[in-house]
């Protein structure tokens, strides 16, 4: 793990690499999570916002994105790319 906490701007700068890693290691999780917006990163918890994605896919798409094994796969990819282990959560809240 990194000694200095990862910030949201730092993660955003590496996000494409995180998504590439996720695609190569867990394509199904990548399909479910790639359109999530990085909403917040506080106290080691990353929140992905799917409010825009649910307009197109409905509740089913959000439920798939919230699957614990997919969130764990995303956390694994983030750690491989950034060296920092985060907890990944999802929301459909406009006011995250």
N, C-alpha and C. Protein backbone atom coordinates (compact mmCIF):
# COMPACT_ATOMS: atom_id res chain seq x y z
N UNK A 1 0.83 -1.18 0.00
CA UNK A 1 0.00 0.00 0.00
C UNK A 1 0.88 1.25 0.00
N UNK A 2 0.35 2.30 -0.54
CA UNK A 2 1.07 3.57 -0.59
C UNK A 2 1.08 4.22 0.79
N UNK A 3 2.17 4.95 1.09
CA UNK A 3 2.28 5.65 2.37
C UNK A 3 1.42 6.90 2.40
N UNK A 4 1.29 7.58 1.27
CA UNK A 4 0.51 8.80 1.18
C UNK A 4 -0.87 8.44 0.63
N UNK A 5 -1.95 8.91 1.27
CA UNK A 5 -3.29 8.58 0.77
C UNK A 5 -3.50 9.03 -0.68
N UNK A 6 -4.13 8.20 -1.44
CA UNK A 6 -4.47 8.51 -2.82
C UNK A 6 -5.58 9.56 -2.83
N UNK A 7 -5.44 10.56 -3.69
CA UNK A 7 -6.48 11.58 -3.82
C UNK A 7 -7.33 11.30 -5.05
N UNK A 8 -8.51 11.89 -5.08
CA UNK A 8 -9.38 11.71 -6.23
C UNK A 8 -8.74 12.22 -7.52
N UNK A 9 -8.10 13.40 -7.53
CA UNK A 9 -7.43 13.83 -8.77
C UNK A 9 -6.32 12.86 -9.22
N UNK A 10 -5.59 12.29 -8.28
CA UNK A 10 -4.56 11.31 -8.64
C UNK A 10 -5.18 10.07 -9.26
N UNK A 11 -6.27 9.60 -8.67
CA UNK A 11 -6.95 8.43 -9.22
C UNK A 11 -7.53 8.73 -10.59
N UNK A 12 -8.12 9.89 -10.75
CA UNK A 12 -8.67 10.27 -12.06
C UNK A 12 -7.58 10.27 -13.13
N UNK A 13 -6.38 10.71 -12.78
CA UNK A 13 -5.27 10.76 -13.73
C UNK A 13 -4.84 9.35 -14.15
N UNK A 14 -5.12 8.36 -13.32
CA UNK A 14 -4.72 6.97 -13.62
C UNK A 14 -5.91 6.09 -13.98
N UNK A 15 -7.09 6.69 -14.07
CA UNK A 15 -8.31 5.90 -14.22
C UNK A 15 -8.31 5.05 -15.48
N UNK A 16 -7.84 5.58 -16.59
CA UNK A 16 -7.85 4.80 -17.84
C UNK A 16 -6.99 3.55 -17.68
N UNK A 17 -5.87 3.67 -16.95
CA UNK A 17 -5.02 2.50 -16.70
C UNK A 17 -5.73 1.49 -15.81
N UNK A 18 -6.48 1.99 -14.82
CA UNK A 18 -7.27 1.11 -13.96
C UNK A 18 -8.30 0.35 -14.81
N UNK A 19 -8.99 1.06 -15.69
CA UNK A 19 -9.99 0.41 -16.54
C UNK A 19 -9.36 -0.60 -17.49
N UNK A 20 -8.20 -0.29 -18.05
CA UNK A 20 -7.50 -1.25 -18.91
C UNK A 20 -7.13 -2.51 -18.12
N UNK A 21 -6.66 -2.32 -16.89
CA UNK A 21 -6.31 -3.46 -16.06
C UNK A 21 -7.55 -4.30 -15.76
N UNK A 22 -8.64 -3.65 -15.39
CA UNK A 22 -9.87 -4.37 -15.09
C UNK A 22 -10.36 -5.13 -16.32
N UNK A 23 -10.29 -4.51 -17.47
CA UNK A 23 -10.74 -5.18 -18.70
C UNK A 23 -9.91 -6.44 -18.96
N UNK A 24 -8.62 -6.36 -18.70
CA UNK A 24 -7.76 -7.51 -19.00
C UNK A 24 -7.86 -8.62 -17.95
N UNK A 25 -8.32 -8.29 -16.75
CA UNK A 25 -8.37 -9.30 -15.69
C UNK A 25 -9.78 -9.79 -15.38
N UNK A 26 -10.78 -8.96 -15.65
CA UNK A 26 -12.17 -9.34 -15.32
C UNK A 26 -13.11 -8.57 -16.25
N UNK A 27 -13.21 -9.06 -17.46
CA UNK A 27 -13.96 -8.33 -18.49
C UNK A 27 -15.43 -8.10 -18.11
N UNK A 28 -16.04 -9.05 -17.44
CA UNK A 28 -17.44 -8.88 -17.06
C UNK A 28 -17.61 -7.73 -16.07
N UNK A 29 -16.70 -7.64 -15.11
CA UNK A 29 -16.73 -6.51 -14.17
C UNK A 29 -16.49 -5.20 -14.91
N UNK A 30 -15.57 -5.22 -15.87
CA UNK A 30 -15.28 -4.01 -16.66
C UNK A 30 -16.54 -3.54 -17.39
N UNK A 31 -17.27 -4.47 -17.99
CA UNK A 31 -18.49 -4.10 -18.72
C UNK A 31 -19.49 -3.45 -17.77
N UNK A 32 -19.59 -3.98 -16.56
CA UNK A 32 -20.56 -3.46 -15.59
C UNK A 32 -20.14 -2.12 -15.00
N UNK A 33 -18.83 -1.88 -14.89
CA UNK A 33 -18.35 -0.73 -14.12
C UNK A 33 -17.74 0.41 -14.93
N UNK A 34 -17.41 0.19 -16.20
CA UNK A 34 -16.63 1.19 -16.92
C UNK A 34 -17.31 2.54 -17.06
N UNK A 35 -18.63 2.60 -17.01
CA UNK A 35 -19.30 3.89 -17.19
C UNK A 35 -19.65 4.58 -15.87
N UNK A 36 -19.13 4.06 -14.77
CA UNK A 36 -19.32 4.74 -13.49
C UNK A 36 -18.46 5.99 -13.41
N UNK A 37 -19.00 7.04 -12.83
CA UNK A 37 -18.27 8.31 -12.65
C UNK A 37 -17.60 8.29 -11.29
N UNK A 38 -16.35 8.71 -11.24
CA UNK A 38 -15.64 8.82 -9.97
C UNK A 38 -16.27 9.95 -9.18
N UNK A 39 -17.08 9.62 -8.19
CA UNK A 39 -17.85 10.63 -7.47
C UNK A 39 -17.13 11.16 -6.25
N UNK A 40 -16.51 10.27 -5.47
CA UNK A 40 -15.81 10.72 -4.26
C UNK A 40 -14.79 9.68 -3.83
N UNK A 41 -13.80 10.16 -3.10
CA UNK A 41 -12.79 9.30 -2.48
C UNK A 41 -12.49 9.89 -1.12
N UNK A 42 -13.02 9.23 -0.09
CA UNK A 42 -12.86 9.72 1.27
C UNK A 42 -12.55 8.56 2.20
N UNK A 43 -11.51 8.72 3.00
CA UNK A 43 -11.13 7.72 4.00
C UNK A 43 -10.97 6.33 3.39
N UNK A 44 -10.38 6.27 2.21
CA UNK A 44 -10.11 4.98 1.57
C UNK A 44 -11.31 4.33 0.92
N UNK A 45 -12.41 5.08 0.76
CA UNK A 45 -13.61 4.55 0.13
C UNK A 45 -13.89 5.34 -1.15
N UNK A 46 -13.84 4.64 -2.27
CA UNK A 46 -14.15 5.24 -3.57
C UNK A 46 -15.62 4.97 -3.89
N UNK A 47 -16.34 6.02 -4.25
CA UNK A 47 -17.73 5.88 -4.66
C UNK A 47 -17.84 6.14 -6.15
N UNK A 48 -18.39 5.16 -6.87
CA UNK A 48 -18.67 5.30 -8.29
C UNK A 48 -20.14 5.64 -8.45
N UNK A 49 -20.42 6.69 -9.20
CA UNK A 49 -21.80 7.16 -9.39
C UNK A 49 -22.32 6.67 -10.74
N UNK A 50 -23.48 6.04 -10.71
CA UNK A 50 -24.09 5.49 -11.92
C UNK A 50 -25.39 6.19 -12.27
N UNK A 51 -25.58 7.43 -11.81
CA UNK A 51 -26.83 8.13 -12.08
C UNK A 51 -27.06 8.30 -13.58
N UNK A 52 -26.02 8.65 -14.33
CA UNK A 52 -26.18 8.81 -15.78
C UNK A 52 -26.35 7.46 -16.47
N UNK A 53 -25.64 6.46 -16.00
CA UNK A 53 -25.72 5.13 -16.61
C UNK A 53 -27.11 4.53 -16.45
N UNK A 54 -27.78 4.80 -15.33
CA UNK A 54 -29.09 4.20 -15.11
C UNK A 54 -30.16 4.81 -16.02
N UNK A 55 -29.90 5.98 -16.55
CA UNK A 55 -30.86 6.57 -17.50
C UNK A 55 -30.99 5.68 -18.73
N UNK A 56 -29.87 5.03 -19.10
CA UNK A 56 -29.86 4.20 -20.29
C UNK A 56 -30.17 2.73 -19.97
N UNK A 57 -29.60 2.21 -18.89
CA UNK A 57 -29.68 0.78 -18.62
C UNK A 57 -30.77 0.41 -17.62
N UNK A 58 -31.31 1.37 -16.90
CA UNK A 58 -32.31 1.06 -15.90
C UNK A 58 -31.68 0.46 -14.65
N UNK A 59 -32.52 -0.01 -13.76
CA UNK A 59 -32.07 -0.54 -12.48
C UNK A 59 -31.20 -1.77 -12.66
N UNK A 60 -31.50 -2.60 -13.64
CA UNK A 60 -30.74 -3.83 -13.85
C UNK A 60 -29.25 -3.54 -14.02
N UNK A 61 -28.90 -2.53 -14.81
CA UNK A 61 -27.50 -2.17 -15.02
C UNK A 61 -26.83 -1.74 -13.73
N UNK A 62 -27.54 -1.00 -12.89
CA UNK A 62 -26.98 -0.57 -11.61
C UNK A 62 -26.80 -1.76 -10.68
N UNK A 63 -27.75 -2.65 -10.63
CA UNK A 63 -27.63 -3.83 -9.77
C UNK A 63 -26.41 -4.66 -10.17
N UNK A 64 -26.19 -4.80 -11.45
CA UNK A 64 -25.02 -5.54 -11.92
C UNK A 64 -23.74 -4.84 -11.50
N UNK A 65 -23.71 -3.52 -11.58
CA UNK A 65 -22.51 -2.77 -11.20
C UNK A 65 -22.24 -2.85 -9.71
N UNK A 66 -23.25 -3.14 -8.92
CA UNK A 66 -23.11 -3.22 -7.47
C UNK A 66 -22.72 -4.61 -6.97
N UNK A 67 -22.53 -5.54 -7.86
CA UNK A 67 -22.19 -6.92 -7.49
C UNK A 67 -20.87 -6.93 -6.71
N UNK A 68 -20.86 -7.50 -5.51
CA UNK A 68 -19.65 -7.46 -4.67
C UNK A 68 -18.39 -7.98 -5.36
N UNK A 69 -18.50 -9.04 -6.13
CA UNK A 69 -17.29 -9.57 -6.79
C UNK A 69 -16.75 -8.60 -7.84
N UNK A 70 -17.64 -7.82 -8.47
CA UNK A 70 -17.18 -6.82 -9.43
C UNK A 70 -16.49 -5.66 -8.71
N UNK A 71 -17.03 -5.25 -7.57
CA UNK A 71 -16.41 -4.16 -6.81
C UNK A 71 -15.05 -4.60 -6.27
N UNK A 72 -14.93 -5.86 -5.88
CA UNK A 72 -13.65 -6.40 -5.42
C UNK A 72 -12.65 -6.43 -6.58
N UNK A 73 -13.10 -6.81 -7.76
CA UNK A 73 -12.21 -6.82 -8.93
C UNK A 73 -11.73 -5.41 -9.25
N UNK A 74 -12.62 -4.43 -9.12
CA UNK A 74 -12.21 -3.04 -9.34
C UNK A 74 -11.18 -2.61 -8.30
N UNK A 75 -11.41 -2.96 -7.04
CA UNK A 75 -10.46 -2.63 -5.98
C UNK A 75 -9.10 -3.27 -6.27
N UNK A 76 -9.11 -4.50 -6.77
CA UNK A 76 -7.86 -5.17 -7.13
C UNK A 76 -7.13 -4.41 -8.23
N UNK A 77 -7.86 -3.98 -9.25
CA UNK A 77 -7.24 -3.23 -10.35
C UNK A 77 -6.67 -1.90 -9.88
N UNK A 78 -7.43 -1.22 -9.03
CA UNK A 78 -6.94 0.05 -8.49
C UNK A 78 -5.64 -0.17 -7.73
N UNK A 79 -5.59 -1.23 -6.94
CA UNK A 79 -4.38 -1.51 -6.17
C UNK A 79 -3.20 -1.86 -7.07
N UNK A 80 -3.45 -2.65 -8.12
CA UNK A 80 -2.35 -2.99 -9.04
C UNK A 80 -1.80 -1.75 -9.73
N UNK A 81 -2.66 -0.82 -10.09
CA UNK A 81 -2.22 0.37 -10.83
C UNK A 81 -1.64 1.44 -9.91
N UNK A 82 -2.27 1.66 -8.77
CA UNK A 82 -1.88 2.79 -7.91
C UNK A 82 -1.05 2.39 -6.70
N UNK A 83 -1.11 1.12 -6.33
CA UNK A 83 -0.44 0.67 -5.11
C UNK A 83 -1.25 0.93 -3.85
N UNK A 84 -2.46 1.41 -3.99
CA UNK A 84 -3.32 1.73 -2.85
C UNK A 84 -4.57 0.86 -2.89
N UNK A 85 -4.88 0.26 -1.75
CA UNK A 85 -6.10 -0.55 -1.65
C UNK A 85 -7.25 0.33 -1.19
N UNK A 86 -8.32 0.34 -1.97
CA UNK A 86 -9.52 1.10 -1.64
C UNK A 86 -10.70 0.16 -1.51
N UNK A 87 -11.71 0.61 -0.81
CA UNK A 87 -13.01 -0.04 -0.81
C UNK A 87 -13.81 0.68 -1.88
N UNK A 88 -14.47 -0.08 -2.76
CA UNK A 88 -15.24 0.51 -3.85
C UNK A 88 -16.72 0.31 -3.57
N UNK A 89 -17.48 1.40 -3.65
CA UNK A 89 -18.93 1.36 -3.50
C UNK A 89 -19.57 2.04 -4.69
N UNK A 90 -20.87 1.87 -4.81
CA UNK A 90 -21.61 2.49 -5.92
C UNK A 90 -22.81 3.24 -5.40
N UNK A 91 -23.26 4.19 -6.21
CA UNK A 91 -24.45 4.96 -5.88
C UNK A 91 -25.12 5.37 -7.19
N UNK A 92 -26.38 5.76 -7.06
CA UNK A 92 -27.12 6.37 -8.18
C UNK A 92 -27.60 7.74 -7.75
N UNK A 93 -26.94 8.32 -6.78
CA UNK A 93 -27.35 9.58 -6.17
C UNK A 93 -26.78 10.76 -6.95
N UNK A 94 -27.61 11.70 -7.29
CA UNK A 94 -27.16 12.91 -7.99
C UNK A 94 -26.29 13.77 -7.09
N UNK A 95 -26.54 13.75 -5.81
CA UNK A 95 -25.83 14.64 -4.86
C UNK A 95 -24.79 13.90 -4.05
N UNK A 96 -23.93 13.13 -4.70
CA UNK A 96 -22.88 12.40 -3.98
C UNK A 96 -21.87 13.37 -3.43
